[in-house]
Amino acid sequence: MTQRAELATVMDRFAVDGLVTEYAVVVDDGDWAAYRGLFAPGGRADYRSAGGIEGDADQVAGWLARSMELFPMRQHLIVNRRVRFGVLDQDSGDTARVQADYINPMRFAGPEEGPTAPDFVCGGRYVFGLVRTDLGWRLREVVVQEKWRRMPRPRQEPSTT
């Protein structure tokens, strides 16, 4: 590999990593217009393993907007990113695949002066399919593979005996 090709690969890795980070930030911030803008035309997302839907970016953004109203506090942490570049139409480096683990603490909506600690936490793995476009790297697909979740325990009433 030449130095020029190596530099291009490093720059692509930075751009792909930035897109994955931007994905987490826009979901956490509830910026659904920006969420839609992360996808290539025809891009899709699949949240079925987490109890959600599968659909195009517009459909999923609408579902997320409604679902995330339950959780005013959310903070994605996406780690252990494994990036692989692929080939599209015989040009190397036009596609990328990222597998990355996530943990996502969230707090249910409630009184503003209530506790700030998360009371719902889930974790698993994202699989991102990316494609290089005229606007830079964009998402072709996002698949959520939820592996676990922790929810609040039901409150028990004190005994009357």
N, C-alpha and C. Protein backbone atom coordinates (compact mmCIF):
# COMPACT_ATOMS: atom_id res chain seq x y z
N MET A 1 0.84 -1.17 0.00
CA MET A 1 0.00 0.00 0.00
C MET A 1 0.89 1.24 0.00
N THR A 2 0.57 2.20 -0.81
CA THR A 2 1.35 3.43 -0.86
C THR A 2 0.98 4.34 0.31
N GLN A 3 1.83 5.31 0.57
CA GLN A 3 1.53 6.25 1.65
C GLN A 3 0.24 7.00 1.39
N ARG A 4 -0.04 7.31 0.12
CA ARG A 4 -1.27 8.03 -0.21
C ARG A 4 -2.48 7.16 0.10
N ALA A 5 -2.43 5.88 -0.23
CA ALA A 5 -3.54 4.97 0.06
C ALA A 5 -3.69 4.77 1.56
N GLU A 6 -2.58 4.67 2.27
CA GLU A 6 -2.65 4.52 3.71
C GLU A 6 -3.27 5.75 4.36
N LEU A 7 -2.92 6.94 3.91
CA LEU A 7 -3.49 8.18 4.44
C LEU A 7 -4.99 8.22 4.15
N ALA A 8 -5.39 7.83 2.94
CA ALA A 8 -6.82 7.83 2.60
C ALA A 8 -7.58 6.86 3.51
N THR A 9 -7.00 5.72 3.80
CA THR A 9 -7.65 4.74 4.69
C THR A 9 -7.79 5.30 6.09
N VAL A 10 -6.76 5.97 6.59
CA VAL A 10 -6.82 6.58 7.92
C VAL A 10 -7.89 7.67 7.94
N MET A 11 -7.96 8.47 6.91
CA MET A 11 -8.98 9.53 6.85
C MET A 11 -10.38 8.93 6.80
N ASP A 12 -10.54 7.84 6.04
CA ASP A 12 -11.84 7.17 6.00
C ASP A 12 -12.22 6.61 7.36
N ARG A 13 -11.25 6.03 8.07
CA ARG A 13 -11.54 5.49 9.41
C ARG A 13 -12.01 6.61 10.34
N PHE A 14 -11.36 7.77 10.27
CA PHE A 14 -11.80 8.91 11.09
C PHE A 14 -13.21 9.33 10.71
N ALA A 15 -13.51 9.39 9.42
CA ALA A 15 -14.83 9.81 8.97
C ALA A 15 -15.90 8.81 9.40
N VAL A 16 -15.62 7.53 9.27
CA VAL A 16 -16.57 6.49 9.67
C VAL A 16 -16.79 6.54 11.18
N ASP A 17 -15.72 6.69 11.93
CA ASP A 17 -15.84 6.79 13.39
C ASP A 17 -16.66 8.02 13.77
N GLY A 18 -16.44 9.12 13.08
CA GLY A 18 -17.21 10.34 13.35
C GLY A 18 -18.69 10.16 13.06
N LEU A 19 -19.02 9.40 12.02
CA LEU A 19 -20.43 9.16 11.69
C LEU A 19 -21.10 8.32 12.76
N VAL A 20 -20.40 7.31 13.27
CA VAL A 20 -20.95 6.47 14.35
C VAL A 20 -21.15 7.31 15.61
N THR A 21 -20.20 8.16 15.92
CA THR A 21 -20.34 9.05 17.07
C THR A 21 -21.51 10.01 16.88
N GLU A 22 -21.63 10.57 15.69
CA GLU A 22 -22.74 11.49 15.40
C GLU A 22 -24.08 10.79 15.55
N TYR A 23 -24.15 9.54 15.14
CA TYR A 23 -25.37 8.75 15.30
C TYR A 23 -25.79 8.73 16.77
N ALA A 24 -24.85 8.40 17.65
CA ALA A 24 -25.17 8.33 19.08
C ALA A 24 -25.61 9.69 19.62
N VAL A 25 -24.93 10.74 19.22
CA VAL A 25 -25.24 12.08 19.72
C VAL A 25 -26.63 12.54 19.27
N VAL A 26 -26.97 12.33 17.99
CA VAL A 26 -28.27 12.81 17.53
C VAL A 26 -29.42 12.03 18.14
N VAL A 27 -29.22 10.73 18.41
CA VAL A 27 -30.26 9.96 19.09
C VAL A 27 -30.41 10.46 20.53
N ASP A 28 -29.29 10.64 21.21
CA ASP A 28 -29.35 11.11 22.59
C ASP A 28 -29.96 12.50 22.70
N ASP A 29 -29.67 13.36 21.72
CA ASP A 29 -30.20 14.72 21.73
C ASP A 29 -31.60 14.83 21.14
N GLY A 30 -32.09 13.76 20.52
CA GLY A 30 -33.41 13.80 19.91
C GLY A 30 -33.48 14.68 18.67
N ASP A 31 -32.38 14.78 17.94
CA ASP A 31 -32.33 15.60 16.73
C ASP A 31 -32.68 14.71 15.53
N TRP A 32 -33.98 14.56 15.29
CA TRP A 32 -34.44 13.58 14.30
C TRP A 32 -34.20 14.03 12.87
N ALA A 33 -34.12 15.32 12.62
CA ALA A 33 -33.74 15.79 11.27
C ALA A 33 -32.29 15.40 10.98
N ALA A 34 -31.42 15.60 11.97
CA ALA A 34 -30.01 15.21 11.80
C ALA A 34 -29.89 13.69 11.67
N TYR A 35 -30.72 12.95 12.40
CA TYR A 35 -30.73 11.49 12.30
C TYR A 35 -31.00 11.08 10.85
N ARG A 36 -32.04 11.66 10.26
CA ARG A 36 -32.38 11.34 8.87
C ARG A 36 -31.22 11.66 7.92
N GLY A 37 -30.53 12.77 8.21
CA GLY A 37 -29.42 13.21 7.37
C GLY A 37 -28.20 12.31 7.42
N LEU A 38 -28.13 11.42 8.39
CA LEU A 38 -26.99 10.50 8.47
C LEU A 38 -27.12 9.35 7.49
N PHE A 39 -28.30 9.16 6.92
CA PHE A 39 -28.55 8.01 6.07
C PHE A 39 -28.42 8.35 4.59
N ALA A 40 -27.91 7.38 3.84
CA ALA A 40 -27.91 7.46 2.38
C ALA A 40 -29.34 7.27 1.89
N PRO A 41 -29.67 7.69 0.69
CA PRO A 41 -31.00 7.41 0.14
C PRO A 41 -31.28 5.91 0.21
N GLY A 42 -32.47 5.58 0.70
CA GLY A 42 -32.84 4.17 0.84
C GLY A 42 -32.31 3.52 2.10
N GLY A 43 -31.61 4.28 2.95
CA GLY A 43 -31.05 3.72 4.18
C GLY A 43 -32.14 3.24 5.13
N ARG A 44 -31.83 2.18 5.87
CA ARG A 44 -32.81 1.54 6.76
C ARG A 44 -32.19 1.30 8.12
N ALA A 45 -33.08 1.14 9.11
CA ALA A 45 -32.65 0.80 10.46
C ALA A 45 -33.57 -0.29 11.00
N ASP A 46 -33.01 -1.14 11.84
CA ASP A 46 -33.75 -2.28 12.40
C ASP A 46 -33.55 -2.31 13.91
N TYR A 47 -34.59 -1.93 14.64
CA TYR A 47 -34.58 -1.91 16.10
C TYR A 47 -35.43 -3.03 16.69
N ARG A 48 -35.79 -4.03 15.89
CA ARG A 48 -36.71 -5.07 16.36
C ARG A 48 -36.20 -5.84 17.56
N SER A 49 -34.89 -6.08 17.67
CA SER A 49 -34.39 -6.84 18.82
C SER A 49 -34.56 -6.08 20.13
N ALA A 50 -34.78 -4.77 20.04
CA ALA A 50 -34.99 -3.93 21.22
C ALA A 50 -36.47 -3.59 21.39
N GLY A 51 -37.34 -4.31 20.69
CA GLY A 51 -38.77 -4.07 20.80
C GLY A 51 -39.28 -2.99 19.87
N GLY A 52 -38.47 -2.58 18.90
CA GLY A 52 -38.85 -1.50 18.00
C GLY A 52 -39.28 -1.98 16.64
N ILE A 53 -39.03 -1.14 15.66
CA ILE A 53 -39.46 -1.42 14.30
C ILE A 53 -38.25 -1.52 13.37
N GLU A 54 -38.53 -1.95 12.14
CA GLU A 54 -37.56 -1.93 11.05
C GLU A 54 -38.20 -1.11 9.95
N GLY A 55 -37.42 -0.20 9.35
CA GLY A 55 -37.97 0.60 8.28
C GLY A 55 -36.95 1.56 7.72
N ASP A 56 -37.42 2.44 6.83
CA ASP A 56 -36.50 3.43 6.28
C ASP A 56 -36.22 4.50 7.34
N ALA A 57 -35.25 5.35 7.05
CA ALA A 57 -34.79 6.33 8.04
C ALA A 57 -35.93 7.22 8.52
N ASP A 58 -36.84 7.63 7.63
CA ASP A 58 -37.96 8.47 8.04
C ASP A 58 -38.90 7.75 9.00
N GLN A 59 -39.25 6.52 8.66
CA GLN A 59 -40.14 5.73 9.53
C GLN A 59 -39.52 5.54 10.91
N VAL A 60 -38.26 5.16 10.94
CA VAL A 60 -37.59 4.87 12.21
C VAL A 60 -37.39 6.16 13.01
N ALA A 61 -37.07 7.26 12.35
CA ALA A 61 -36.93 8.54 13.07
C ALA A 61 -38.24 8.92 13.74
N GLY A 62 -39.36 8.71 13.05
CA GLY A 62 -40.66 9.00 13.65
C GLY A 62 -40.95 8.12 14.85
N TRP A 63 -40.63 6.84 14.71
CA TRP A 63 -40.83 5.90 15.83
C TRP A 63 -39.93 6.28 17.01
N LEU A 64 -38.67 6.59 16.73
CA LEU A 64 -37.75 6.99 17.80
C LEU A 64 -38.23 8.26 18.50
N ALA A 65 -38.69 9.23 17.73
CA ALA A 65 -39.17 10.49 18.31
C ALA A 65 -40.28 10.22 19.32
N ARG A 66 -41.21 9.34 18.96
CA ARG A 66 -42.32 9.02 19.88
C ARG A 66 -41.81 8.19 21.07
N SER A 67 -40.99 7.19 20.80
CA SER A 67 -40.51 6.29 21.86
C SER A 67 -39.62 6.99 22.87
N MET A 68 -38.77 7.87 22.39
CA MET A 68 -37.80 8.51 23.28
C MET A 68 -38.42 9.59 24.16
N GLU A 69 -39.71 9.93 23.92
CA GLU A 69 -40.39 10.85 24.84
C GLU A 69 -40.47 10.26 26.24
N LEU A 70 -40.42 8.93 26.33
CA LEU A 70 -40.45 8.26 27.63
C LEU A 70 -39.16 8.47 28.42
N PHE A 71 -38.07 8.82 27.70
CA PHE A 71 -36.75 8.89 28.31
C PHE A 71 -36.10 10.25 28.04
N PRO A 72 -36.35 11.25 28.88
CA PRO A 72 -35.74 12.56 28.63
C PRO A 72 -34.23 12.55 28.83
N MET A 73 -33.71 11.59 29.59
CA MET A 73 -32.27 11.47 29.77
C MET A 73 -31.82 10.17 29.13
N ARG A 74 -30.89 10.29 28.18
CA ARG A 74 -30.32 9.11 27.54
C ARG A 74 -28.89 9.44 27.13
N GLN A 75 -28.05 8.42 27.16
CA GLN A 75 -26.64 8.65 26.85
C GLN A 75 -26.03 7.38 26.27
N HIS A 76 -25.96 7.32 24.95
CA HIS A 76 -25.31 6.19 24.28
C HIS A 76 -23.82 6.22 24.54
N LEU A 77 -23.27 5.07 24.76
CA LEU A 77 -21.83 4.90 24.79
C LEU A 77 -21.54 3.78 23.80
N ILE A 78 -20.88 4.10 22.69
CA ILE A 78 -20.59 3.12 21.65
C ILE A 78 -19.09 2.86 21.66
N VAL A 79 -18.72 1.60 21.92
CA VAL A 79 -17.31 1.25 22.13
C VAL A 79 -16.94 0.01 21.32
N ASN A 80 -15.66 -0.34 21.38
CA ASN A 80 -15.14 -1.55 20.71
C ASN A 80 -15.54 -1.58 19.24
N ARG A 81 -15.24 -0.50 18.55
CA ARG A 81 -15.62 -0.36 17.15
C ARG A 81 -14.68 -1.17 16.26
N ARG A 82 -15.25 -2.06 15.50
CA ARG A 82 -14.50 -2.89 14.55
C ARG A 82 -14.90 -2.44 13.15
N VAL A 83 -13.98 -1.82 12.42
CA VAL A 83 -14.26 -1.24 11.11
C VAL A 83 -13.64 -2.11 10.02
N ARG A 84 -14.44 -2.42 8.99
CA ARG A 84 -13.96 -3.16 7.82
C ARG A 84 -14.43 -2.41 6.57
N PHE A 85 -13.50 -2.18 5.65
CA PHE A 85 -13.85 -1.54 4.40
C PHE A 85 -14.08 -2.59 3.33
N GLY A 86 -14.99 -2.27 2.39
CA GLY A 86 -15.34 -3.20 1.34
C GLY A 86 -15.23 -2.59 -0.03
N VAL A 87 -15.80 -3.28 -1.00
CA VAL A 87 -15.69 -2.90 -2.40
C VAL A 87 -17.09 -2.73 -2.98
N LEU A 88 -17.28 -1.67 -3.71
CA LEU A 88 -18.54 -1.41 -4.42
C LEU A 88 -18.19 -1.01 -5.84
N ASP A 89 -18.74 -1.68 -6.81
CA ASP A 89 -18.47 -1.37 -8.22
C ASP A 89 -16.98 -1.32 -8.53
N GLN A 90 -16.25 -2.26 -7.97
CA GLN A 90 -14.83 -2.45 -8.24
C GLN A 90 -13.92 -1.34 -7.72
N ASP A 91 -14.44 -0.37 -6.97
CA ASP A 91 -13.60 0.65 -6.36
C ASP A 91 -13.44 0.31 -4.90
N SER A 92 -12.22 0.12 -4.45
CA SER A 92 -12.03 -0.26 -3.05
C SER A 92 -12.34 0.90 -2.13
N GLY A 93 -12.88 0.56 -1.00
CA GLY A 93 -13.13 1.57 0.02
C GLY A 93 -14.43 2.32 -0.10
N ASP A 94 -15.38 1.86 -0.93
CA ASP A 94 -16.65 2.56 -1.09
C ASP A 94 -17.69 2.15 -0.06
N THR A 95 -17.44 1.07 0.65
CA THR A 95 -18.36 0.62 1.68
C THR A 95 -17.58 0.34 2.95
N ALA A 96 -18.29 0.36 4.04
CA ALA A 96 -17.68 0.01 5.32
C ALA A 96 -18.71 -0.70 6.17
N ARG A 97 -18.23 -1.52 7.05
CA ARG A 97 -19.08 -2.22 8.02
C ARG A 97 -18.45 -2.00 9.39
N VAL A 98 -19.27 -1.60 10.32
CA VAL A 98 -18.79 -1.35 11.69
C VAL A 98 -19.63 -2.20 12.63
N GLN A 99 -18.96 -2.97 13.45
CA GLN A 99 -19.62 -3.63 14.57
C GLN A 99 -19.12 -2.93 15.82
N ALA A 100 -20.05 -2.55 16.68
CA ALA A 100 -19.67 -1.80 17.87
C ALA A 100 -20.62 -2.14 19.00
N ASP A 101 -20.06 -2.34 20.18
CA ASP A 101 -20.87 -2.61 21.35
C ASP A 101 -21.42 -1.29 21.90
N TYR A 102 -22.56 -1.39 22.57
CA TYR A 102 -23.13 -0.18 23.16
C TYR A 102 -23.69 -0.50 24.54
N ILE A 103 -23.72 0.53 25.34
CA ILE A 103 -24.46 0.54 26.60
C ILE A 103 -25.25 1.84 26.59
N ASN A 104 -26.50 1.77 27.02
CA ASN A 104 -27.38 2.92 26.88
C ASN A 104 -28.19 3.13 28.15
N PRO A 105 -27.68 3.92 29.10
CA PRO A 105 -28.48 4.26 30.28
C PRO A 105 -29.49 5.35 29.94
N MET A 106 -30.70 5.19 30.48
CA MET A 106 -31.77 6.17 30.24
C MET A 106 -32.56 6.34 31.54
N ARG A 107 -33.24 7.48 31.66
CA ARG A 107 -34.11 7.73 32.80
C ARG A 107 -35.50 7.97 32.29
N PHE A 108 -36.47 7.31 32.92
CA PHE A 108 -37.87 7.52 32.56
C PHE A 108 -38.29 8.94 32.90
N ALA A 109 -39.24 9.45 32.16
CA ALA A 109 -39.79 10.78 32.42
C ALA A 109 -40.44 10.79 33.80
N GLY A 110 -40.29 11.88 34.48
CA GLY A 110 -40.87 12.03 35.81
C GLY A 110 -40.67 13.46 36.29
N PRO A 111 -40.86 13.68 37.56
CA PRO A 111 -40.70 15.04 38.10
C PRO A 111 -39.28 15.56 37.86
N GLU A 112 -39.19 16.81 37.49
CA GLU A 112 -37.89 17.44 37.23
C GLU A 112 -36.98 17.38 38.45
N GLU A 113 -37.54 17.48 39.64
CA GLU A 113 -36.71 17.49 40.85
C GLU A 113 -36.45 16.07 41.36
N GLY A 114 -36.83 15.07 40.60
CA GLY A 114 -36.64 13.67 41.00
C GLY A 114 -35.19 13.23 40.82
N PRO A 115 -34.95 11.95 41.04
CA PRO A 115 -33.59 11.42 40.91
C PRO A 115 -33.09 11.54 39.47
N THR A 116 -31.78 11.69 39.33
CA THR A 116 -31.18 11.82 38.01
C THR A 116 -30.53 10.53 37.53
N ALA A 117 -30.41 9.54 38.40
CA ALA A 117 -29.78 8.28 38.02
C ALA A 117 -30.63 7.55 36.99
N PRO A 118 -29.98 6.84 36.06
CA PRO A 118 -30.76 6.08 35.08
C PRO A 118 -31.53 4.95 35.75
N ASP A 119 -32.73 4.67 35.26
CA ASP A 119 -33.49 3.57 35.81
C ASP A 119 -33.82 2.53 34.74
N PHE A 120 -33.25 2.70 33.56
CA PHE A 120 -33.38 1.72 32.49
C PHE A 120 -32.04 1.70 31.78
N VAL A 121 -31.43 0.54 31.65
CA VAL A 121 -30.14 0.42 30.98
C VAL A 121 -30.20 -0.79 30.06
N CYS A 122 -29.72 -0.62 28.84
CA CYS A 122 -29.66 -1.75 27.93
C CYS A 122 -28.29 -1.76 27.24
N GLY A 123 -27.96 -2.89 26.69
CA GLY A 123 -26.68 -3.02 26.01
C GLY A 123 -26.74 -4.07 24.93
N GLY A 124 -25.80 -4.00 24.03
CA GLY A 124 -25.74 -4.96 22.94
C GLY A 124 -24.73 -4.55 21.91
N ARG A 125 -25.05 -4.81 20.67
CA ARG A 125 -24.14 -4.51 19.56
C ARG A 125 -24.91 -3.85 18.42
N TYR A 126 -24.28 -2.83 17.86
CA TYR A 126 -24.76 -2.23 16.62
C TYR A 126 -23.99 -2.84 15.46
N VAL A 127 -24.66 -3.00 14.35
CA VAL A 127 -24.00 -3.30 13.08
C VAL A 127 -24.40 -2.17 12.14
N PHE A 128 -23.40 -1.41 11.72
CA PHE A 128 -23.61 -0.29 10.80
C PHE A 128 -23.08 -0.68 9.43
N GLY A 129 -23.89 -0.49 8.40
CA GLY A 129 -23.43 -0.60 7.02
C GLY A 129 -23.35 0.81 6.45
N LEU A 130 -22.20 1.18 5.92
CA LEU A 130 -21.99 2.54 5.42
C LEU A 130 -21.61 2.51 3.95
N VAL A 131 -21.87 3.61 3.29
CA VAL A 131 -21.50 3.77 1.88
C VAL A 131 -20.95 5.18 1.68
N ARG A 132 -19.95 5.27 0.83
CA ARG A 132 -19.40 6.59 0.49
C ARG A 132 -20.33 7.24 -0.54
N THR A 133 -20.73 8.47 -0.27
CA THR A 133 -21.58 9.22 -1.20
C THR A 133 -20.89 10.52 -1.57
N ASP A 134 -21.51 11.30 -2.42
CA ASP A 134 -20.97 12.62 -2.77
C ASP A 134 -20.91 13.53 -1.55
N LEU A 135 -21.74 13.26 -0.55
CA LEU A 135 -21.77 14.06 0.68
C LEU A 135 -20.89 13.48 1.77
N GLY A 136 -20.15 12.43 1.46
CA GLY A 136 -19.31 11.76 2.46
C GLY A 136 -19.93 10.42 2.85
N TRP A 137 -19.45 9.86 3.94
CA TRP A 137 -19.95 8.57 4.41
C TRP A 137 -21.36 8.73 4.96
N ARG A 138 -22.24 7.81 4.60
CA ARG A 138 -23.61 7.79 5.09
C ARG A 138 -24.00 6.36 5.43
N LEU A 139 -25.02 6.24 6.27
CA LEU A 139 -25.50 4.94 6.71
C LEU A 139 -26.41 4.31 5.65
N ARG A 140 -26.15 3.07 5.33
CA ARG A 140 -27.07 2.29 4.49
C ARG A 140 -27.99 1.48 5.37
N GLU A 141 -27.44 1.02 6.50
CA GLU A 141 -28.26 0.24 7.43
C GLU A 141 -27.69 0.36 8.84
N VAL A 142 -28.60 0.25 9.78
CA VAL A 142 -28.26 0.15 11.19
C VAL A 142 -29.08 -1.00 11.74
N VAL A 143 -28.41 -1.96 12.37
CA VAL A 143 -29.10 -3.07 13.00
C VAL A 143 -28.71 -3.07 14.47
N VAL A 144 -29.72 -3.02 15.33
CA VAL A 144 -29.51 -3.08 16.77
C VAL A 144 -29.67 -4.53 17.19
N GLN A 145 -28.66 -5.04 17.89
CA GLN A 145 -28.73 -6.39 18.44
C GLN A 145 -28.67 -6.27 19.96
N GLU A 146 -29.83 -5.99 20.55
CA GLU A 146 -29.87 -5.84 22.01
C GLU A 146 -29.59 -7.19 22.65
N LYS A 147 -28.68 -7.20 23.62
CA LYS A 147 -28.30 -8.44 24.29
C LYS A 147 -28.85 -8.52 25.71
N TRP A 148 -29.07 -7.37 26.33
CA TRP A 148 -29.56 -7.37 27.71
C TRP A 148 -30.21 -6.03 28.02
N ARG A 149 -31.00 -6.04 29.08
CA ARG A 149 -31.58 -4.80 29.61
C ARG A 149 -31.85 -4.97 31.10
N ARG A 150 -31.78 -3.86 31.79
CA ARG A 150 -32.11 -3.83 33.21
C ARG A 150 -33.15 -2.74 33.40
N MET A 151 -34.27 -3.15 33.98
CA MET A 151 -35.37 -2.22 34.21
C MET A 151 -35.60 -2.10 35.71
N PRO A 152 -36.32 -1.06 36.12
CA PRO A 152 -36.59 -0.90 37.55
C PRO A 152 -37.41 -2.08 38.07
N ARG A 153 -37.12 -2.44 39.29
CA ARG A 153 -37.92 -3.48 39.93
C ARG A 153 -39.25 -2.89 40.35
N PRO A 154 -40.31 -3.70 40.26
CA PRO A 154 -41.61 -3.19 40.71
C PRO A 154 -41.55 -2.83 42.19
N ARG A 155 -42.20 -1.75 42.53
CA ARG A 155 -42.23 -1.32 43.92
C ARG A 155 -43.13 -2.24 44.71
N GLN A 156 -42.65 -2.66 45.86
CA GLN A 156 -43.47 -3.50 46.73
C GLN A 156 -44.08 -2.65 47.84
N GLU A 157 -45.33 -2.87 48.05
CA GLU A 157 -46.03 -2.14 49.12
C GLU A 157 -45.56 -2.71 50.46
N PRO A 158 -45.41 -1.84 51.46
CA PRO A 158 -45.04 -2.34 52.79
C PRO A 158 -46.14 -3.27 53.35
N SER A 159 -45.69 -4.25 54.09
CA SER A 159 -46.68 -5.15 54.68
C SER A 159 -47.46 -4.43 55.78
N THR A 160 -48.69 -4.84 55.98
CA THR A 160 -49.55 -4.20 56.97
C THR A 160 -49.64 -5.02 58.24
N THR A 161 -48.83 -6.05 58.34
CA THR A 161 -48.91 -6.88 59.55
C THR A 161 -47.92 -6.47 60.60
